[in-house]
All heavy atoms as atom14 arrays in JSON, in Angstrom:
{
  "sequence": "FTPQRLPIPIEQVESVDSICKRFKTGAMSYG",
  "atom14_mask": [
    [1, 1, 1, 1, 1, 1, 1, 1, 1, 1, 1, 0, 0, 0],
    [1, 1, 1, 1, 1, 1, 1, 0, 0, 0, 0, 0, 0, 0],
    [1, 1, 1, 1, 1, 1, 1, 0, 0, 0, 0, 0, 0, 0],
    [1, 1, 1, 1, 1, 1, 1, 1, 1, 0, 0, 0, 0, 0],
    [1, 1, 1, 1, 1, 1, 1, 1, 1, 1, 1, 0, 0, 0],
    [1, 1, 1, 1, 1, 1, 1, 1, 0, 0, 0, 0, 0, 0],
    [1, 1, 1, 1, 1, 1, 1, 0, 0, 0, 0, 0, 0, 0],
    [1, 1, 1, 1, 1, 1, 1, 1, 0, 0, 0, 0, 0, 0],
    [1, 1, 1, 1, 1, 1, 1, 0, 0, 0, 0, 0, 0, 0],
    [1, 1, 1, 1, 1, 1, 1, 1, 0, 0, 0, 0, 0, 0],
    [1, 1, 1, 1, 1, 1, 1, 1, 1, 0, 0, 0, 0, 0],
    [1, 1, 1, 1, 1, 1, 1, 1, 1, 0, 0, 0, 0, 0],
    [1, 1, 1, 1, 1, 1, 1, 0, 0, 0, 0, 0, 0, 0],
    [1, 1, 1, 1, 1, 1, 1, 1, 1, 0, 0, 0, 0, 0],
    [1, 1, 1, 1, 1, 1, 0, 0, 0, 0, 0, 0, 0, 0],
    [1, 1, 1, 1, 1, 1, 1, 0, 0, 0, 0, 0, 0, 0],
    [1, 1, 1, 1, 1, 1, 1, 1, 0, 0, 0, 0, 0, 0],
    [1, 1, 1, 1, 1, 1, 0, 0, 0, 0, 0, 0, 0, 0],
    [1, 1, 1, 1, 1, 1, 1, 1, 0, 0, 0, 0, 0, 0],
    [1, 1, 1, 1, 1, 1, 0, 0, 0, 0, 0, 0, 0, 0],
    [1, 1, 1, 1, 1, 1, 1, 1, 1, 0, 0, 0, 0, 0],
    [1, 1, 1, 1, 1, 1, 1, 1, 1, 1, 1, 0, 0, 0],
    [1, 1, 1, 1, 1, 1, 1, 1, 1, 1, 1, 0, 0, 0],
    [1, 1, 1, 1, 1, 1, 1, 1, 1, 0, 0, 0, 0, 0],
    [1, 1, 1, 1, 1, 1, 1, 0, 0, 0, 0, 0, 0, 0],
    [1, 1, 1, 1, 0, 0, 0, 0, 0, 0, 0, 0, 0, 0],
    [1, 1, 1, 1, 1, 0, 0, 0, 0, 0, 0, 0, 0, 0],
    [1, 1, 1, 1, 1, 1, 1, 1, 0, 0, 0, 0, 0, 0],
    [1, 1, 1, 1, 1, 1, 0, 0, 0, 0, 0, 0, 0, 0],
    [1, 1, 1, 1, 1, 1, 1, 1, 1, 1, 1, 1, 0, 0],
    [1, 1, 1, 1, 0, 0, 0, 0, 0, 0, 0, 0, 0, 0]
  ],
  "atom14_positions": [
    [[32.34, -97.48, 15.05], [32.13, -97.44, 16.49], [33.38, -97.93, 17.22], [33.98, -98.93, 16.82], [30.94, -98.32, 16.88], [29.63, -97.83, 16.35], [28.98, -98.5, 15.31], [29.02, -96.7, 16.88], [27.77, -98.05, 14.83], [27.81, -96.25, 16.39], [27.19, -96.92, 15.37], [0.0, 0.0, 0.0], [0.0, 0.0, 0.0], [0.0, 0.0, 0.0]],
    [[33.75, -97.23, 18.28], [34.84, -97.68, 19.12], [34.24, -98.45, 20.29], [33.48, -97.89, 21.09], [35.65, -96.48, 19.67], [36.17, -95.75, 18.57], [36.79, -96.96, 20.56], [0.0, 0.0, 0.0], [0.0, 0.0, 0.0], [0.0, 0.0, 0.0], [0.0, 0.0, 0.0], [0.0, 0.0, 0.0], [0.0, 0.0, 0.0], [0.0, 0.0, 0.0]],
    [[34.54, -99.74, 20.41], [33.92, -100.55, 21.47], [34.27, -100.04, 22.86], [35.41, -99.64, 23.11], [34.49, -101.95, 21.23], [35.22, -101.9, 19.96], [35.48, -100.5, 19.6], [0.0, 0.0, 0.0], [0.0, 0.0, 0.0], [0.0, 0.0, 0.0], [0.0, 0.0, 0.0], [0.0, 0.0, 0.0], [0.0, 0.0, 0.0], [0.0, 0.0, 0.0]],
    [[33.29, -100.03, 23.75], [33.57, -99.67, 25.13], [34.17, -100.86, 25.87], [33.94, -102.02, 25.51], [32.28, -99.24, 25.83], [31.76, -97.89, 25.37], [30.64, -97.42, 26.28], [29.92, -98.22, 26.83], [30.51, -96.11, 26.42], [0.0, 0.0, 0.0], [0.0, 0.0, 0.0], [0.0, 0.0, 0.0], [0.0, 0.0, 0.0], [0.0, 0.0, 0.0]],
    [[34.91, -100.56, 26.9], [35.5, -101.65, 27.68], [34.42, -102.42, 28.43], [34.5, -103.63, 28.58], [36.54, -101.08, 28.66], [37.74, -100.45, 27.97], [38.75, -99.95, 28.99], [39.91, -99.35, 28.34], [40.94, -98.82, 28.99], [40.93, -98.8, 30.32], [41.95, -98.3, 28.33], [0.0, 0.0, 0.0], [0.0, 0.0, 0.0], [0.0, 0.0, 0.0]],
    [[33.43, -101.67, 28.94], [32.36, -102.31, 29.69], [31.03, -102.04, 29.01], [30.73, -100.88, 28.68], [32.33, -101.78, 31.13], [33.57, -102.08, 31.99], [33.45, -101.37, 33.33], [33.75, -103.57, 32.17], [0.0, 0.0, 0.0], [0.0, 0.0, 0.0], [0.0, 0.0, 0.0], [0.0, 0.0, 0.0], [0.0, 0.0, 0.0], [0.0, 0.0, 0.0]],
    [[30.22, -103.05, 28.8], [28.9, -102.82, 28.19], [27.98, -102.07, 29.15], [28.15, -102.12, 30.37], [28.39, -104.24, 27.93], [29.1, -105.1, 28.93], [30.46, -104.47, 29.09], [0.0, 0.0, 0.0], [0.0, 0.0, 0.0], [0.0, 0.0, 0.0], [0.0, 0.0, 0.0], [0.0, 0.0, 0.0], [0.0, 0.0, 0.0], [0.0, 0.0, 0.0]],
    [[27.03, -101.34, 28.58], [26.07, -100.61, 29.4], [25.03, -101.58, 29.95], [24.44, -102.34, 29.19], [25.38, -99.51, 28.56], [26.41, -98.52, 28.03], [24.32, -98.79, 29.37], [25.84, -97.5, 27.08], [0.0, 0.0, 0.0], [0.0, 0.0, 0.0], [0.0, 0.0, 0.0], [0.0, 0.0, 0.0], [0.0, 0.0, 0.0], [0.0, 0.0, 0.0]],
    [[24.78, -101.57, 31.24], [23.75, -102.46, 31.81], [22.39, -102.17, 31.19], [22.04, -101.0, 30.95], [23.77, -102.11, 33.31], [25.12, -101.51, 33.54], [25.47, -100.79, 32.28], [0.0, 0.0, 0.0], [0.0, 0.0, 0.0], [0.0, 0.0, 0.0], [0.0, 0.0, 0.0], [0.0, 0.0, 0.0], [0.0, 0.0, 0.0], [0.0, 0.0, 0.0]],
    [[21.63, -103.2, 30.91], [20.33, -103.05, 30.26], [19.39, -102.18, 31.08], [18.52, -101.5, 30.55], [19.7, -104.44, 29.98], [18.47, -104.31, 29.07], [19.33, -105.12, 31.29], [18.77, -103.8, 27.7], [0.0, 0.0, 0.0], [0.0, 0.0, 0.0], [0.0, 0.0, 0.0], [0.0, 0.0, 0.0], [0.0, 0.0, 0.0], [0.0, 0.0, 0.0]],
    [[19.58, -102.15, 32.4], [18.72, -101.34, 33.26], [18.9, -99.85, 32.99], [18.03, -99.04, 33.32], [19.01, -101.64, 34.74], [18.63, -103.04, 35.19], [19.65, -104.09, 34.75], [20.77, -103.67, 34.34], [19.33, -105.28, 34.79], [0.0, 0.0, 0.0], [0.0, 0.0, 0.0], [0.0, 0.0, 0.0], [0.0, 0.0, 0.0], [0.0, 0.0, 0.0]],
    [[20.05, -99.46, 32.43], [20.33, -98.05, 32.17], [19.86, -97.62, 30.77], [19.97, -96.44, 30.42], [21.82, -97.77, 32.32], [22.36, -97.99, 33.72], [23.84, -97.68, 33.83], [24.42, -97.02, 32.95], [24.47, -98.16, 34.89], [0.0, 0.0, 0.0], [0.0, 0.0, 0.0], [0.0, 0.0, 0.0], [0.0, 0.0, 0.0], [0.0, 0.0, 0.0]],
    [[19.36, -98.56, 30.01], [18.89, -98.26, 28.65], [17.39, -97.98, 28.68], [16.64, -98.63, 29.4], [19.19, -99.43, 27.7], [18.68, -99.13, 26.29], [20.68, -99.73, 27.68], [0.0, 0.0, 0.0], [0.0, 0.0, 0.0], [0.0, 0.0, 0.0], [0.0, 0.0, 0.0], [0.0, 0.0, 0.0], [0.0, 0.0, 0.0], [0.0, 0.0, 0.0]],
    [[16.96, -97.0, 27.9], [15.53, -96.69, 27.85], [14.72, -97.9, 27.39], [15.19, -98.73, 26.59], [15.27, -95.54, 26.88], [15.69, -94.18, 27.39], [15.18, -93.06, 26.47], [14.02, -93.13, 26.02], [15.95, -92.13, 26.2], [0.0, 0.0, 0.0], [0.0, 0.0, 0.0], [0.0, 0.0, 0.0], [0.0, 0.0, 0.0], [0.0, 0.0, 0.0]],
    [[13.5, -97.98, 27.86], [12.62, -99.06, 27.43], [12.22, -98.86, 25.97], [12.35, -97.77, 25.42], [11.37, -99.09, 28.31], [10.6, -97.92, 28.09], [0.0, 0.0, 0.0], [0.0, 0.0, 0.0], [0.0, 0.0, 0.0], [0.0, 0.0, 0.0], [0.0, 0.0, 0.0], [0.0, 0.0, 0.0], [0.0, 0.0, 0.0], [0.0, 0.0, 0.0]],
    [[11.71, -99.92, 25.37], [11.26, -99.84, 23.98], [10.14, -98.81, 23.84], [10.11, -98.01, 22.9], [10.79, -101.22, 23.48], [10.13, -101.1, 22.11], [11.95, -102.19, 23.43], [0.0, 0.0, 0.0], [0.0, 0.0, 0.0], [0.0, 0.0, 0.0], [0.0, 0.0, 0.0], [0.0, 0.0, 0.0], [0.0, 0.0, 0.0], [0.0, 0.0, 0.0]],
    [[9.2, -98.82, 24.8], [8.11, -97.85, 24.75], [8.63, -96.42, 24.76], [8.14, -95.56, 24.02], [7.16, -98.06, 25.94], [6.34, -99.33, 25.8], [6.11, -99.74, 24.65], [5.92, -99.89, 26.82], [0.0, 0.0, 0.0], [0.0, 0.0, 0.0], [0.0, 0.0, 0.0], [0.0, 0.0, 0.0], [0.0, 0.0, 0.0], [0.0, 0.0, 0.0]],
    [[9.64, -96.17, 25.58], [10.2, -94.82, 25.68], [10.94, -94.43, 24.4], [10.83, -93.29, 23.93], [11.15, -94.74, 26.87], [11.75, -93.47, 26.97], [0.0, 0.0, 0.0], [0.0, 0.0, 0.0], [0.0, 0.0, 0.0], [0.0, 0.0, 0.0], [0.0, 0.0, 0.0], [0.0, 0.0, 0.0], [0.0, 0.0, 0.0], [0.0, 0.0, 0.0]],
    [[11.68, -95.37, 23.82], [12.43, -95.08, 22.59], [11.47, -94.8, 21.43], [11.7, -93.88, 20.63], [13.37, -96.26, 22.24], [14.49, -96.36, 23.29], [13.97, -96.09, 20.85], [15.37, -97.57, 23.13], [0.0, 0.0, 0.0], [0.0, 0.0, 0.0], [0.0, 0.0, 0.0], [0.0, 0.0, 0.0], [0.0, 0.0, 0.0], [0.0, 0.0, 0.0]],
    [[10.39, -95.56, 21.35], [9.45, -95.38, 20.23], [8.77, -94.02, 20.27], [8.31, -93.52, 19.25], [8.4, -96.5, 20.24], [9.04, -98.09, 19.67], [0.0, 0.0, 0.0], [0.0, 0.0, 0.0], [0.0, 0.0, 0.0], [0.0, 0.0, 0.0], [0.0, 0.0, 0.0], [0.0, 0.0, 0.0], [0.0, 0.0, 0.0], [0.0, 0.0, 0.0]],
    [[8.7, -93.41, 21.44], [8.12, -92.06, 21.54], [8.99, -91.03, 20.83], [8.55, -89.93, 20.55], [7.94, -91.67, 23.0], [6.85, -92.47, 23.71], [6.75, -92.08, 25.18], [5.67, -92.9, 25.88], [5.58, -92.57, 27.33], [0.0, 0.0, 0.0], [0.0, 0.0, 0.0], [0.0, 0.0, 0.0], [0.0, 0.0, 0.0], [0.0, 0.0, 0.0]],
    [[10.23, -91.39, 20.56], [11.16, -90.49, 19.87], [11.04, -90.61, 18.34], [11.66, -89.85, 17.61], [12.6, -90.79, 20.28], [12.87, -90.63, 21.78], [14.3, -91.05, 22.1], [14.59, -90.93, 23.52], [15.07, -89.82, 24.1], [15.29, -88.76, 23.37], [15.32, -89.79, 25.39], [0.0, 0.0, 0.0], [0.0, 0.0, 0.0], [0.0, 0.0, 0.0]],
    [[10.27, -91.58, 17.86], [10.16, -91.82, 16.42], [9.01, -91.01, 15.83], [7.93, -90.89, 16.4], [9.93, -93.3, 16.14], [11.09, -94.18, 16.5], [10.91, -95.54, 16.74], [12.38, -93.66, 16.6], [11.97, -96.35, 17.07], [13.45, -94.47, 16.94], [13.26, -95.82, 17.17], [0.0, 0.0, 0.0], [0.0, 0.0, 0.0], [0.0, 0.0, 0.0]],
    [[9.27, -90.46, 14.63], [8.27, -89.66, 13.93], [8.28, -90.02, 12.45], [9.25, -90.59, 11.95], [8.58, -88.16, 14.09], [8.65, -87.68, 15.53], [9.04, -86.21, 15.58], [9.03, -85.68, 17.01], [9.41, -84.25, 17.08], [0.0, 0.0, 0.0], [0.0, 0.0, 0.0], [0.0, 0.0, 0.0], [0.0, 0.0, 0.0], [0.0, 0.0, 0.0]],
    [[7.2, -89.69, 11.78], [7.21, -89.82, 10.33], [7.64, -88.5, 9.73], [7.48, -87.44, 10.33], [5.82, -90.2, 9.76], [4.93, -89.08, 9.92], [5.25, -91.41, 10.48], [0.0, 0.0, 0.0], [0.0, 0.0, 0.0], [0.0, 0.0, 0.0], [0.0, 0.0, 0.0], [0.0, 0.0, 0.0], [0.0, 0.0, 0.0], [0.0, 0.0, 0.0]],
    [[8.2, -88.57, 8.52], [8.56, -87.34, 7.83], [7.32, -86.58, 7.41], [6.2, -87.11, 7.44], [0.0, 0.0, 0.0], [0.0, 0.0, 0.0], [0.0, 0.0, 0.0], [0.0, 0.0, 0.0], [0.0, 0.0, 0.0], [0.0, 0.0, 0.0], [0.0, 0.0, 0.0], [0.0, 0.0, 0.0], [0.0, 0.0, 0.0], [0.0, 0.0, 0.0]],
    [[7.51, -85.32, 7.04], [6.38, -84.47, 6.65], [5.94, -84.8, 5.23], [6.43, -84.22, 4.26], [6.78, -83.0, 6.77], [0.0, 0.0, 0.0], [0.0, 0.0, 0.0], [0.0, 0.0, 0.0], [0.0, 0.0, 0.0], [0.0, 0.0, 0.0], [0.0, 0.0, 0.0], [0.0, 0.0, 0.0], [0.0, 0.0, 0.0], [0.0, 0.0, 0.0]],
    [[5.01, -85.74, 5.12], [4.47, -86.14, 3.81], [2.98, -85.83, 3.83], [2.22, -86.4, 4.6], [4.73, -87.63, 3.57], [6.2, -87.96, 3.55], [6.57, -89.73, 3.46], [6.21, -90.26, 5.14], [0.0, 0.0, 0.0], [0.0, 0.0, 0.0], [0.0, 0.0, 0.0], [0.0, 0.0, 0.0], [0.0, 0.0, 0.0], [0.0, 0.0, 0.0]],
    [[2.55, -84.91, 2.98], [1.21, -84.35, 3.09], [0.13, -85.26, 2.51], [0.39, -86.13, 1.66], [1.15, -83.0, 2.38], [1.27, -83.17, 0.98], [0.0, 0.0, 0.0], [0.0, 0.0, 0.0], [0.0, 0.0, 0.0], [0.0, 0.0, 0.0], [0.0, 0.0, 0.0], [0.0, 0.0, 0.0], [0.0, 0.0, 0.0], [0.0, 0.0, 0.0]],
    [[-1.09, -85.02, 3.02], [-2.27, -85.63, 2.41], [-2.52, -84.85, 1.13], [-2.89, -83.68, 1.15], [-3.46, -85.52, 3.36], [-4.79, -85.92, 2.75], [-4.91, -87.1, 2.02], [-5.92, -85.12, 2.89], [-6.12, -87.46, 1.46], [-7.13, -85.48, 2.34], [-7.23, -86.65, 1.62], [-8.42, -87.02, 1.05], [0.0, 0.0, 0.0], [0.0, 0.0, 0.0]],
    [[-2.31, -85.49, 0.05], [-2.32, -84.83, -1.27], [-1.14, -85.39, -2.04], [-1.29, -85.9, -3.15], [0.0, 0.0, 0.0], [0.0, 0.0, 0.0], [0.0, 0.0, 0.0], [0.0, 0.0, 0.0], [0.0, 0.0, 0.0], [0.0, 0.0, 0.0], [0.0, 0.0, 0.0], [0.0, 0.0, 0.0], [0.0, 0.0, 0.0], [0.0, 0.0, 0.0]]
  ]
}
């Protein structure tokens, strides 16, 4: 990673609830 000169304000980062909506499990079948 190349460090940025200025950190991103926390207000501009998605909330935890929003980020978790992007998470999925892999396709592992019942069986």
